[in-house]
C-alpha atoms as a PDB file:
ATOM      1  CA  MET A   1     107.301 110.722  97.801  1.00  0.00           C
ATOM      2  CA  HIS A   2     106.916 110.077 101.520  1.00  0.00           C
ATOM      3  CA  PHE A   3     106.850 106.514 102.786  1.00  0.00           C
ATOM      4  CA  LEU A   4     103.762 105.477 104.720  1.00  0.00           C
ATOM      5  CA  ASP A   5     103.181 101.870 105.706  1.00  0.00           C
ATOM      6  CA  GLN A   6      99.994 102.167 107.787  1.00  0.00           C
ATOM      7  CA  ALA A   7      96.689 103.856 107.125  1.00  0.00           C
ATOM      8  CA  LYS A   8      93.146 103.702 108.485  1.00  0.00           C
ATOM      9  CA  ILE A   9      90.290 104.104 106.017  1.00  0.00           C
ATOM     10  CA  PHE A  10      86.498 103.920 105.953  1.00  0.00           C
ATOM     11  CA  ILE A  11      84.795 101.787 103.293  1.00  0.00           C
ATOM     12  CA  ARG A  12      81.121 101.405 102.419  1.00  0.00           C
ATOM     13  CA  SER A  13      79.525  99.314  99.703  1.00  0.00           C
ATOM     14  CA  GLY A  14      76.568 100.642  97.751  1.00  0.00           C
ATOM     15  CA  ALA A  15      72.966 100.123  98.817  1.00  0.00           C
ATOM     16  CA  GLY A  16      70.510  98.420  96.497  1.00  0.00           C
ATOM     17  CA  GLY A  17      68.145 100.570  94.486  1.00  0.00           C
ATOM     18  CA  PRO A  18      64.406 100.688  95.277  1.00  0.00           C
ATOM     19  CA  GLY A  19      61.908  98.642  93.340  1.00  0.00           C
ATOM     20  CA  ALA A  20      59.301 100.375  91.218  1.00  0.00           C
ATOM     21  CA  VAL A  21      55.548 100.593  91.588  1.00  0.00           C
ATOM     22  CA  SER A  22      54.096 100.629  88.084  1.00  0.00           C
ATOM     23  CA  PHE A  23      51.082  99.299  86.181  1.00  0.00           C
ATOM     24  CA  ARG A  24      50.841  98.367  82.554  1.00  0.00           C
ATOM     25  CA  ARG A  25      48.892 100.993  80.624  1.00  0.00           C
ATOM     26  CA  GLU A  26      48.201 100.192  76.964  1.00  0.00           C
ATOM     27  CA  LYS A  27      45.339 100.879  74.616  1.00  0.00           C
ATOM     28  CA  PHE A  28      42.693  98.161  74.479  1.00  0.00           C
ATOM     29  CA  ILE A  29      44.219  96.426  77.540  1.00  0.00           C
ATOM     30  CA  GLU A  30      41.849  97.110  80.396  1.00  0.00           C
ATOM     31  CA  TYR A  31      43.687  95.260  83.183  1.00  0.00           C
ATOM     32  CA  GLY A  32      47.399  95.378  82.428  1.00  0.00           C
ATOM     33  CA  GLY A  33      48.461  94.482  85.936  1.00  0.00           C
ATOM     34  CA  PRO A  34      51.636  95.462  87.830  1.00  0.00           C
ATOM     35  CA  ASP A  35      54.929  95.711  85.933  1.00  0.00           C
ATOM     36  CA  GLY A  36      57.299  97.465  88.338  1.00  0.00           C
ATOM     37  CA  GLY A  37      60.900  96.248  87.997  1.00  0.00           C
ATOM     38  CA  GLU A  38      63.442  95.506  90.692  1.00  0.00           C
ATOM     39  CA  GLY A  39      66.120  97.913  91.845  1.00  0.00           C
ATOM     40  CA  GLY A  40      69.749  97.546  90.836  1.00  0.00           C
ATOM     41  CA  LYS A  41      72.436  96.010  93.045  1.00  0.00           C
ATOM     42  CA  GLY A  42      74.814  98.324  94.889  1.00  0.00           C
ATOM     43  CA  GLY A  43      78.509  98.446  94.039  1.00  0.00           C
ATOM     44  CA  ASP A  44      81.045  96.215  95.801  1.00  0.00           C
ATOM     45  CA  ILE A  45      84.244  97.363  97.530  1.00  0.00           C
ATOM     46  CA  ILE A  46      87.160  95.558  95.887  1.00  0.00           C
ATOM     47  CA  PHE A  47      90.841  95.760  96.828  1.00  0.00           C
ATOM     48  CA  GLU A  48      93.409  95.110  94.108  1.00  0.00           C
ATOM     49  CA  ALA A  49      97.207  94.797  94.373  1.00  0.00           C
ATOM     50  CA  VAL A  50      98.859  96.758  91.578  1.00  0.00           C
ATOM     51  CA  PRO A  51     102.515  97.192  90.557  1.00  0.00           C
ATOM     52  CA  GLY A  52     104.313 100.510  90.746  1.00  0.00           C
ATOM     53  CA  LEU A  53     103.170 101.428  94.265  1.00  0.00           C
ATOM     54  CA  ASN A  54     105.388 101.083  97.340  1.00  0.00           C
ATOM     55  CA  THR A  55     103.693 103.373  99.862  1.00  0.00           C
ATOM     56  CA  LEU A  56     100.260 104.043 101.339  1.00  0.00           C
ATOM     57  CA  ILE A  57     100.723 107.813 101.257  1.00  0.00           C
ATOM     58  CA  ASP A  58      97.632 108.275  99.042  1.00  0.00           C
ATOM     59  CA  PHE A  59      95.423 107.029 101.868  1.00  0.00           C
ATOM     60  CA  ARG A  60      96.548 109.858 104.124  1.00  0.00           C
ATOM     61  CA  TYR A  61      94.625 112.334 101.984  1.00  0.00           C
ATOM     62  CA  THR A  62      91.716 110.128 100.876  1.00  0.00           C
ATOM     63  CA  GLN A  63      90.312 108.124 103.748  1.00  0.00           C
ATOM     64  CA  HIS A  64      86.674 107.501 102.804  1.00  0.00           C
ATOM     65  CA  PHE A  65      85.672 105.151 100.003  1.00  0.00           C
ATOM     66  CA  ARG A  66      81.992 104.697  99.134  1.00  0.00           C
ATOM     67  CA  ALA A  67      80.673 102.623  96.250  1.00  0.00           C
ATOM     68  CA  PRO A  68      77.606 104.017  94.404  1.00  0.00           C
ATOM     69  CA  ARG A  69      74.154 102.614  95.120  1.00  0.00           C
ATOM     70  CA  GLY A  70      71.996 100.848  92.559  1.00  0.00           C
ATOM     71  CA  LYS A  71      69.439 102.708  90.459  1.00  0.00           C
ATOM     72  CA  GLY A  72      65.723 102.329  91.005  1.00  0.00           C
ATOM     73  CA  GLY A  73      63.596  99.954  88.964  1.00  0.00           C
ATOM     74  CA  ALA A  74      61.148 101.149  86.304  1.00  0.00           C
ATOM     75  CA  GLY A  75      57.963 100.144  84.582  1.00  0.00           C
ATOM     76  CA  SER A  76      57.725  97.415  81.934  1.00  0.00           C
ATOM     77  CA  ASN A  77      59.563  95.141  84.372  1.00  0.00           C
ATOM     78  CA  ARG A  78      62.831  97.022  83.864  1.00  0.00           C
ATOM     79  CA  THR A  79      65.512  96.369  86.472  1.00  0.00           C
ATOM     80  CA  GLY A  80      67.521  99.363  87.625  1.00  0.00           C
ATOM     81  CA  ALA A  81      71.189  99.684  86.714  1.00  0.00           C
ATOM     82  CA  GLY A  82      73.643  98.289  89.239  1.00  0.00           C
ATOM     83  CA  GLY A  83      76.117 100.560  90.964  1.00  0.00           C
ATOM     84  CA  ASN A  84      79.690 100.366  89.707  1.00  0.00           C
ATOM     85  CA  ASP A  85      82.147  98.468  91.880  1.00  0.00           C
ATOM     86  CA  LEU A  86      84.731 100.632  93.631  1.00  0.00           C
ATOM     87  CA  VAL A  87      88.245  99.246  93.172  1.00  0.00           C
ATOM     88  CA  VAL A  88      90.747 100.413  95.805  1.00  0.00           C
ATOM     89  CA  LYS A  89      94.276 100.010  94.434  1.00  0.00           C
ATOM     90  CA  VAL A  90      96.974  99.161  96.973  1.00  0.00           C
ATOM     91  CA  PRO A  91     100.663  98.190  96.765  1.00  0.00           C
ATOM     92  CA  VAL A  92     101.630  94.543  96.518  1.00  0.00           C
ATOM     93  CA  GLY A  93     102.236  93.235 100.040  1.00  0.00           C
ATOM     94  CA  THR A  94      99.366  95.149 101.648  1.00  0.00           C
ATOM     95  CA  GLN A  95      97.488  93.538 104.500  1.00  0.00           C
ATOM     96  CA  ILE A  96      93.914  94.538 105.346  1.00  0.00           C
ATOM     97  CA  LEU A  97      93.207  94.403 109.083  1.00  0.00           C
ATOM     98  CA  ALA A  98      89.986  94.797 111.039  1.00  0.00           C
ATOM     99  CA  ASP A  99      89.640  97.773 113.360  1.00  0.00           C
ATOM    100  CA  ASP A 100      89.517  95.684 116.518  1.00  0.00           C
ATOM    101  CA  GLU A 101      91.865  95.129 119.432  1.00  0.00           C
ATOM    102  CA  GLU A 102      93.456  92.077 117.815  1.00  0.00           C
ATOM    103  CA  ARG A 103      93.799  93.734 114.380  1.00  0.00           C
ATOM    104  CA  SER A 104      92.358  90.584 112.804  1.00  0.00           C
ATOM    105  CA  LEU A 105      93.730  89.826 109.345  1.00  0.00           C
ATOM    106  CA  LEU A 106      91.037  90.115 106.675  1.00  0.00           C
ATOM    107  CA  ALA A 107      93.157  89.830 103.537  1.00  0.00           C
ATOM    108  CA  ASP A 108      96.786  89.669 102.442  1.00  0.00           C
ATOM    109  CA  LEU A 109      97.507  90.785  98.878  1.00  0.00           C
ATOM    110  CA  THR A 110     100.897  89.397  97.901  1.00  0.00           C
ATOM    111  CA  ARG A 111     100.633  89.004  94.114  1.00  0.00           C
ATOM    112  CA  VAL A 112     100.276  91.535  91.313  1.00  0.00           C
ATOM    113  CA  GLY A 113      96.698  91.611  90.122  1.00  0.00           C
ATOM    114  CA  GLU A 114      95.331  89.799  93.179  1.00  0.00           C
ATOM    115  CA  ARG A 115      91.809  90.962  94.032  1.00  0.00           C
ATOM    116  CA  ILE A 116      89.439  90.492  96.931  1.00  0.00           C
ATOM    117  CA  THR A 117      85.855  91.654  97.351  1.00  0.00           C
ATOM    118  CA  LEU A 118      85.780  92.867 100.930  1.00  0.00           C
ATOM    119  CA  LEU A 119      82.247  94.307 101.077  1.00  0.00           C
ATOM    120  CA  LYS A 120      79.297  93.215  98.961  1.00  0.00           C
ATOM    121  CA  GLY A 121      76.802  95.746  97.676  1.00  0.00           C
ATOM    122  CA  GLY A 122      73.184  95.511  98.789  1.00  0.00           C
ATOM    123  CA  ASP A 123      70.620  93.746  96.605  1.00  0.00           C
ATOM    124  CA  GLY A 124      67.977  95.801  94.871  1.00  0.00           C
ATOM    125  CA  GLY A 125      64.469  96.083  96.230  1.00  0.00           C
ATOM    126  CA  ARG A 126      61.563  94.167  94.748  1.00  0.00           C
ATOM    127  CA  GLY A 127      59.231  95.856  92.324  1.00  0.00           C
ATOM    128  CA  ASN A 128      55.485  95.562  92.752  1.00  0.00           C
ATOM    129  CA  ALA A 129      55.286  93.000  89.951  1.00  0.00           C
ATOM    130  CA  SER A 130      56.941  90.454  92.215  1.00  0.00           C
ATOM    131  CA  TYR A 131      54.242  90.920  94.868  1.00  0.00           C
ATOM    132  CA  LYS A 132      51.415  89.890  92.527  1.00  0.00           C
ATOM    133  CA  SER A 133      49.475  86.850  93.713  1.00  0.00           C
ATOM    134  CA  SER A 134      46.118  85.197  93.211  1.00  0.00           C
ATOM    135  CA  THR A 135      44.655  87.234  96.049  1.00  0.00           C
ATOM    136  CA  ASN A 136      46.560  90.474  95.430  1.00  0.00           C
ATOM    137  CA  ARG A 137      46.186  91.320  91.769  1.00  0.00           C
ATOM    138  CA  ALA A 138      47.246  94.965  92.015  1.00  0.00           C
ATOM    139  CA  PRO A 139      49.945  95.266  94.710  1.00  0.00           C
ATOM    140  CA  ARG A 140      51.331  98.675  95.455  1.00  0.00           C
ATOM    141  CA  GLN A 141      54.110  97.705  97.832  1.00  0.00           C
ATOM    142  CA  HIS A 142      57.751  97.573  96.822  1.00  0.00           C
ATOM    143  CA  GLY A 143      61.162  97.013  98.410  1.00  0.00           C
ATOM    144  CA  MET A 144      63.490  99.884  99.182  1.00  0.00           C
ATOM    145  CA  GLY A 145      66.663  97.906  98.545  1.00  0.00           C
ATOM    146  CA  TRP A 146      69.083  96.329 100.979  1.00  0.00           C
ATOM    147  CA  PRO A 147      71.636  98.592 102.639  1.00  0.00           C
ATOM    148  CA  GLY A 148      75.334  98.273 101.891  1.00  0.00           C
ATOM    149  CA  GLU A 149      78.001  97.250 104.380  1.00  0.00           C
ATOM    150  CA  GLU A 150      80.448  99.613 106.017  1.00  0.00           C
ATOM    151  CA  MET A 151      83.478  99.356 108.261  1.00  0.00           C
ATOM    152  CA  TRP A 152      86.789 100.930 109.230  1.00  0.00           C
ATOM    153  CA  VAL A 153      89.872  98.941 108.252  1.00  0.00           C
ATOM    154  CA  TRP A 154      93.618  99.302 108.695  1.00  0.00           C
ATOM    155  CA  LEU A 155      95.970  98.941 105.768  1.00  0.00           C
ATOM    156  CA  ARG A 156      99.468  97.749 106.584  1.00  0.00           C
ATOM    157  CA  LEU A 157     102.181  97.481 103.974  1.00  0.00           C
ATOM    158  CA  LYS A 158     104.833  94.783 104.279  1.00  0.00           C
ATOM    159  CA  LEU A 159     107.398  95.191 101.553  1.00  0.00           C
ATOM    160  CA  LEU A 160     108.192  92.149  99.436  1.00  0.00           C
ATOM    161  CA  ALA A 161     111.930  91.519  99.335  1.00  0.00           C
ATOM    162  CA  ASP A 162     114.286  88.558  99.051  1.00  0.00           C
ATOM    163  CA  VAL A 163     116.859  89.851 101.524  1.00  0.00           C
ATOM    164  CA  GLY A 164     116.379  91.871 104.701  1.00  0.00           C
ATOM    165  CA  LEU A 165     119.193  93.907 106.264  1.00  0.00           C
ATOM    166  CA  VAL A 166     119.394  93.956 110.053  1.00  0.00           C
ATOM    167  CA  GLY A 167     121.900  95.304 112.518  1.00  0.00           C
ATOM    168  CA  LEU A 168     122.556  98.019 115.065  1.00  0.00           C
ATOM    169  CA  PRO A 169     122.459 101.668 113.973  1.00  0.00           C
ATOM    170  CA  ASN A 170     125.552 102.623 111.953  1.00  0.00           C
ATOM    171  CA  ALA A 171     126.361  98.987 111.151  1.00  0.00           C
ATOM    172  CA  GLY A 172     126.676  99.995 107.491  1.00  0.00           C
ATOM    173  CA  LYS A 173     123.331  98.759 106.151  1.00  0.00           C
ATOM    174  CA  SER A 174     122.623 101.878 104.101  1.00  0.00           C
ATOM    175  CA  THR A 175     126.169 101.904 102.769  1.00  0.00           C
ATOM    176  CA  PHE A 176     125.755  98.273 101.721  1.00  0.00           C
ATOM    177  CA  ILE A 177     122.479  98.809  99.879  1.00  0.00           C
ATOM    178  CA  ASN A 178     123.937 101.882  98.150  1.00  0.00           C
ATOM    179  CA  ALA A 179     127.022  99.886  97.111  1.00  0.00           C
ATOM    180  CA  VAL A 180     125.172  96.940  95.566  1.00  0.00           C
ATOM    181  CA  THR A 181     122.030  98.658  94.198  1.00  0.00           C
ATOM    182  CA  ASN A 182     120.964 101.953  92.682  1.00  0.00           C
ATOM    183  CA  ALA A 183     119.277 103.003  95.914  1.00  0.00           C
ATOM    184  CA  LYS A 184     120.226 106.350  97.398  1.00  0.00           C
ATOM    185  CA  ALA A 185     119.792 105.716 101.100  1.00  0.00           C
ATOM    186  CA  LYS A 186     120.862 108.501 103.445  1.00  0.00           C
ATOM    187  CA  ILE A 187     124.232 107.966 105.119  1.00  0.00           C
ATOM    188  CA  GLY A 188     125.490 109.879 108.126  1.00  0.00           C
ATOM    189  CA  ALA A 189     127.956 109.601 111.015  1.00  0.00           C
ATOM    190  CA  TYR A 190     125.194 109.359 113.591  1.00  0.00           C
ATOM    191  CA  ALA A 191     122.598 106.828 114.680  1.00  0.00           C
ATOM    192  CA  PHE A 192     119.238 106.357 112.937  1.00  0.00           C
ATOM    193  CA  THR A 193     120.082 108.026 109.656  1.00  0.00           C
ATOM    194  CA  THR A 194     117.611 105.536 108.152  1.00  0.00           C
ATOM    195  CA  LEU A 195     114.125 106.420 109.367  1.00  0.00           C
ATOM    196  CA  ARG A 196     112.097 104.487 106.809  1.00  0.00           C
ATOM    197  CA  PRO A 197     112.588 101.247 104.866  1.00  0.00           C
ATOM    198  CA  GLN A 198     114.539 101.335 101.622  1.00  0.00           C
ATOM    199  CA  LEU A 199     114.321  98.923  98.695  1.00  0.00           C
ATOM    200  CA  GLY A 200     117.007  98.136  96.149  1.00  0.00           C
ATOM    201  CA  VAL A 201     117.574  95.561  93.426  1.00  0.00           C
ATOM    202  CA  VAL A 202     120.883  93.684  93.214  1.00  0.00           C
ATOM    203  CA  THR A 203     121.991  92.033  89.974  1.00  0.00           C
ATOM    204  CA  HIS A 204     124.476  89.252  90.714  1.00  0.00           C
ATOM    205  CA  ARG A 205     125.486  86.278  88.559  1.00  0.00           C
ATOM    206  CA  GLY A 206     122.574  86.884  86.216  1.00  0.00           C
ATOM    207  CA  ARG A 207     120.031  86.910  89.057  1.00  0.00           C
ATOM    208  CA  GLU A 208     118.142  89.738  90.685  1.00  0.00           C
ATOM    209  CA  LEU A 209     117.671  90.090  94.421  1.00  0.00           C
ATOM    210  CA  VAL A 210     115.392  92.621  96.089  1.00  0.00           C
ATOM    211  CA  VAL A 211     117.034  93.956  99.257  1.00  0.00           C
ATOM    212  CA  ALA A 212     115.162  95.768 102.044  1.00  0.00           C
ATOM    213  CA  ASP A 213     116.973  98.047 104.488  1.00  0.00           C
ATOM    214  CA  ILE A 214     115.148  98.934 107.701  1.00  0.00           C
ATOM    215  CA  PRO A 215     116.092 101.328 110.522  1.00  0.00           C
ATOM    216  CA  GLY A 216     118.624  99.946 112.983  1.00  0.00           C
ATOM    217  CA  LEU A 217     117.600  98.049 116.090  1.00  0.00           C
ATOM    218  CA  ILE A 218     118.812  98.829 119.574  1.00  0.00           C
ATOM    219  CA  GLU A 219     118.373  97.023 122.854  1.00  0.00           C
ATOM    220  CA  GLY A 220     114.768  97.314 123.987  1.00  0.00           C
ATOM    221  CA  ALA A 221     113.390  97.924 120.483  1.00  0.00           C
ATOM    222  CA  ALA A 222     110.618  95.408 121.183  1.00  0.00           C
ATOM    223  CA  GLU A 223     109.463  97.728 123.986  1.00  0.00           C
ATOM    224  CA  GLY A 224     109.665 100.809 121.773  1.00  0.00           C
ATOM    225  CA  ALA A 225     113.251 101.984 122.294  1.00  0.00           C
ATOM    226  CA  GLY A 226     114.729 103.934 119.397  1.00  0.00           C
ATOM    227  CA  VAL A 227     112.348 103.696 116.449  1.00  0.00           C
ATOM    228  CA  GLY A 228     110.990 100.472 117.951  1.00  0.00           C
ATOM    229  CA  ASP A 229     110.367  97.317 115.990  1.00  0.00           C
ATOM    230  CA  ARG A 230     107.439  98.499 113.841  1.00  0.00           C
ATOM    231  CA  PHE A 231     109.527  98.282 110.662  1.00  0.00           C
ATOM    232  CA  LEU A 232     110.444  94.635 111.256  1.00  0.00           C
ATOM    233  CA  GLY A 233     107.201  93.734 109.524  1.00  0.00           C
ATOM    234  CA  HIS A 234     108.850  94.699 106.231  1.00  0.00           C
ATOM    235  CA  ILE A 235     111.297  91.786 106.461  1.00  0.00           C
ATOM    236  CA  GLU A 236     108.796  89.149 107.574  1.00  0.00           C
ATOM    237  CA  ARG A 237     108.446  87.992 103.972  1.00  0.00           C
ATOM    238  CA  CYS A 238     112.199  87.885 103.250  1.00  0.00           C
ATOM    239  CA  GLN A 239     113.792  84.546 102.472  1.00  0.00           C
ATOM    240  CA  VAL A 240     117.075  85.379 104.188  1.00  0.00           C
ATOM    241  CA  LEU A 241     118.449  88.044 106.531  1.00  0.00           C
ATOM    242  CA  LEU A 242     121.815  89.722 106.168  1.00  0.00           C
ATOM    243  CA  HIS A 243     123.028  90.602 109.647  1.00  0.00           C
ATOM    244  CA  LEU A 244     125.757  93.250 109.592  1.00  0.00           C
ATOM    245  CA  VAL A 245     127.990  93.750 112.622  1.00  0.00           C
ATOM    246  CA  ASP A 246     130.268  96.781 112.851  1.00  0.00           C
ATOM    247  CA  ALA A 247     133.865  95.670 113.315  1.00  0.00           C
ATOM    248  CA  ASN A 248     134.492  98.883 115.280  1.00  0.00           C
ATOM    249  CA  ASP A 249     131.971  98.017 118.006  1.00  0.00           C
ATOM    250  CA  GLU A 250     133.371  97.575 121.483  1.00  0.00           C
ATOM    251  CA  ASP A 251     132.113  93.976 121.679  1.00  0.00           C
ATOM    252  CA  VAL A 252     131.007  92.398 118.388  1.00  0.00           C
ATOM    253  CA  ALA A 253     129.506  89.395 120.183  1.00  0.00           C
ATOM    254  CA  THR A 254     127.284  91.660 122.293  1.00  0.00           C
ATOM    255  CA  SER A 255     126.251  93.624 119.201  1.00  0.00           C
ATOM    256  CA  TYR A 256     125.220  90.385 117.545  1.00  0.00           C
ATOM    257  CA  ARG A 257     123.224  89.150 120.524  1.00  0.00           C
ATOM    258  CA  ILE A 258     121.335  92.452 120.951  1.00  0.00           C
ATOM    259  CA  VAL A 259     119.900  92.241 117.452  1.00  0.00           C
ATOM    260  CA  ARG A 260     119.167  88.522 117.712  1.00  0.00           C
ATOM    261  CA  ASP A 261     117.313  89.033 120.990  1.00  0.00           C
ATOM    262  CA  GLU A 262     115.143  91.738 119.419  1.00  0.00           C
ATOM    263  CA  LEU A 263     114.320  89.502 116.449  1.00  0.00           C
ATOM    264  CA  ASP A 264     113.333  86.693 118.792  1.00  0.00           C
ATOM    265  CA  ALA A 265     111.244  89.065 120.916  1.00  0.00           C
ATOM    266  CA  TYR A 266     109.382  90.317 117.838  1.00  0.00           C
ATOM    267  CA  GLY A 267     108.397  86.815 116.767  1.00  0.00           C
ATOM    268  CA  ALA A 268     106.589  86.241 113.445  1.00  0.00           C
ATOM    269  CA  GLY A 269     109.256  83.682 112.548  1.00  0.00           C
ATOM    270  CA  LEU A 270     112.091  86.207 112.199  1.00  0.00           C
ATOM    271  CA  GLY A 271     114.280  84.355 114.691  1.00  0.00           C
ATOM    272  CA  ALA A 272     114.062  81.179 112.605  1.00  0.00           C
ATOM    273  CA  LYS A 273     114.918  82.726 109.236  1.00  0.00           C
ATOM    274  CA  PRO A 274     118.225  81.850 107.539  1.00  0.00           C
ATOM    275  CA  VAL A 275     120.936  84.388 108.339  1.00  0.00           C
ATOM    276  CA  VAL A 276     124.104  85.419 106.530  1.00  0.00           C
ATOM    277  CA  LEU A 277     126.413  87.011 109.089  1.00  0.00           C
ATOM    278  CA  ALA A 278     128.937  89.612 107.948  1.00  0.00           C
ATOM    279  CA  LEU A 279     131.568  91.609 109.829  1.00  0.00           C
ATOM    280  CA  ASN A 280     131.485  95.039 108.196  1.00  0.00           C
ATOM    281  CA  LYS A 281     134.001  97.913 107.987  1.00  0.00           C
ATOM    282  CA  ILE A 282     137.071  95.675 108.018  1.00  0.00           C
ATOM    283  CA  ASP A 283     138.953  98.276 105.957  1.00  0.00           C
ATOM    284  CA  THR A 284     139.384 100.296 109.161  1.00  0.00           C
ATOM    285  CA  LEU A 285     141.299  97.524 110.982  1.00  0.00           C
ATOM    286  CA  ASP A 286     144.467  95.543 110.457  1.00  0.00           C
ATOM    287  CA  ASP A 287     144.461  91.905 109.325  1.00  0.00           C
ATOM    288  CA  GLU A 288     145.267  90.435 112.723  1.00  0.00           C
ATOM    289  CA  LEU A 289     142.409  92.247 114.466  1.00  0.00           C
ATOM    290  CA  VAL A 290     139.970  91.352 111.701  1.00  0.00           C
ATOM    291  CA  GLU A 291     140.890  87.684 112.087  1.00  0.00           C
ATOM    292  CA  ALA A 292     140.435  87.838 115.863  1.00  0.00           C
ATOM    293  CA  LEU A 293     137.058  89.581 115.622  1.00  0.00           C
ATOM    294  CA  THR A 294     135.879  87.141 112.974  1.00  0.00           C
ATOM    295  CA  ARG A 295     136.778  84.233 115.218  1.00  0.00           C
ATOM    296  CA  GLU A 296     135.096  85.852 118.235  1.00  0.00           C
ATOM    297  CA  LEU A 297     131.888  86.554 116.335  1.00  0.00           C
ATOM    298  CA  ALA A 298     131.824  83.049 114.861  1.00  0.00           C
ATOM    299  CA  GLN A 299     132.128  81.506 118.336  1.00  0.00           C
ATOM    300  CA  ALA A 300     129.341  83.715 119.719  1.00  0.00           C
ATOM    301  CA  SER A 301     126.951  83.047 116.844  1.00  0.00           C
ATOM    302  CA  GLY A 302     127.849  79.521 115.787  1.00  0.00           C
ATOM    303  CA  LYS A 303     127.752  80.690 112.175  1.00  0.00           C
ATOM    304  CA  THR A 304     130.176  81.355 109.384  1.00  0.00           C
ATOM    305  CA  VAL A 305     131.279  85.006 109.444  1.00  0.00           C
ATOM    306  CA  LEU A 306     132.075  86.810 106.196  1.00  0.00           C
ATOM    307  CA  PRO A 307     134.446  89.802 106.584  1.00  0.00           C
ATOM    308  CA  MET A 308     133.571  92.671 104.271  1.00  0.00           C
ATOM    309  CA  SER A 309     133.617  96.415 103.762  1.00  0.00           C
ATOM    310  CA  ALA A 310     130.638  97.954 102.029  1.00  0.00           C
ATOM    311  CA  ALA A 311     132.334 101.341 101.779  1.00  0.00           C
ATOM    312  CA  GLY A 312     135.567  99.869 100.405  1.00  0.00           C
ATOM    313  CA  GLY A 313     133.901  97.288  98.179  1.00  0.00           C
ATOM    314  CA  LEU A 314     135.757  94.435  99.887  1.00  0.00           C
ATOM    315  CA  GLY A 315     134.281  90.966 100.363  1.00  0.00           C
ATOM    316  CA  ILE A 316     130.911  91.914  98.870  1.00  0.00           C
ATOM    317  CA  GLY A 317     131.030  89.120  96.272  1.00  0.00           C
ATOM    318  CA  PRO A 318     131.093  86.239  98.792  1.00  0.00           C
ATOM    319  CA  VAL A 319     128.275  87.871 100.763  1.00  0.00           C
ATOM    320  CA  LEU A 320     126.096  88.133  97.650  1.00  0.00           C
ATOM    321  CA  ASP A 321     126.961  84.534  96.744  1.00  0.00           C
ATOM    322  CA  ALA A 322     125.775  83.385 100.180  1.00  0.00           C
ATOM    323  CA  LEU A 323     122.557  85.374  99.869  1.00  0.00           C
ATOM    324  CA  LEU A 324     121.914  84.066  96.375  1.00  0.00           C
ATOM    325  CA  ALA A 325     122.390  80.488  97.555  1.00  0.00           C
ATOM    326  CA  HIS A 326     119.695  80.954 100.198  1.00  0.00           C
ATOM    327  CA  VAL A 327     117.272  82.640  97.818  1.00  0.00           C
ATOM    328  CA  SER A 328     117.886  79.958  95.191  1.00  0.00           C
ATOM    329  CA  GLY A 329     117.216  77.232  97.716  1.00  0.00           C
ATOM    330  CA  GLU A 330     120.651  75.718  97.191  1.00  0.00           C
ATOM    331  CA  HIS A 331     122.086  76.456 100.610  1.00  0.00           C
ATOM    332  CA  ALA A 332     122.653  73.564 102.976  1.00  0.00           C
ATOM    333  CA  GLU A 333     122.458  73.861 106.734  1.00  0.00           C
ATOM    334  CA  ASP A 334     125.191  75.967 108.285  1.00  0.00           C
ATOM    335  CA  ASP A 335     127.705  73.615 109.873  1.00  0.00           C
ATOM    336  CA  GLY A 336     129.173  76.288 112.097  1.00  0.00           C
ATOM    337  CA  PRO A 337     132.074  78.682 111.759  1.00  0.00           C
ATOM    338  CA  ALA A 338     134.488  78.050 108.953  1.00  0.00           C
ATOM    339  CA  GLU A 339     138.139  78.912 108.807  1.00  0.00           C
ATOM    340  CA  PRO A 340     138.716  82.677 108.972  1.00  0.00           C
ATOM    341  CA  ILE A 341     138.964  84.256 105.536  1.00  0.00           C
ATOM    342  CA  GLU A 342     142.243  86.017 104.897  1.00  0.00           C
ATOM    343  CA  TRP A 343     141.772  89.651 104.080  1.00  0.00           C
ATOM    344  CA  SER A 344     144.087  92.033 102.338  1.00  0.00           C
ATOM    345  CA  PRO A 345     143.604  95.706 101.543  1.00  0.00           C
ATOM    346  CA  LEU A 346     145.138  95.111  98.106  1.00  0.00           C
END
């Protein structure tokens, strides 16, 4: 299934049904009077967040949603049947945005089963019985029913995850999520092998963590360089970010700052989120160089650096422990770089 995180759709609620013009006709009743019933109410447009969906691909092929209108009234003061509500099912984490320049937020569905009535159906028209008065004993007018509402809206999916993976292309994010989850993210020896977000579930110390991997960031991503920053929305809801830095980069401090600058430029609180910083691919370097790079990265970031190798399965445990502490709310403020962790290939 293809991943789609944005879609534009047209929605229209149902119009109300027309009222009836009717007069009571019974044997031995000479002046029965008006008895036309009211029309039925039109159907509402309701959005519901449901489990089991993680893409908006269905809205690429179905883009118009119209609720049925109400039925007309009938004689004997019978009200017409109301139109059925139209329930649009969307993935959990879907935002509904207005089709304006600001993309105003109309709704944010973040819980399974959460519902919102976005458009109300029109009320039914009045039957002629309701127009009867002391001076108008046999009215023949009736209401045609109120029209429904319609609008174009944007749907934007922001995946719900505990941990978000960030880093430059080829920092090892896909390798990490493949190593700790059952995800099958594409891995290649070239930049931007990940072109869409990936989700995986980590089980560690009896707890489950949902990890989101997004395409790598490069300098100028906020201005659209590379794949841009459009996928950063998928980690806005994460509790903690795992920032991976490739130990083979020419300058690990510069690699760190590039990604941090792009997070700050994006905004939405990403720059203020807790971060676990890891130096990846240490299995390709000797111990002395790993220690020097760890110290350099710690000085540039002011954070504790955890050496690891996702491909070699080295140092993953401490990284998951640090992530779990943040998600569990047990992590204290980072007091700065700690002593370099000794690493051994054995």
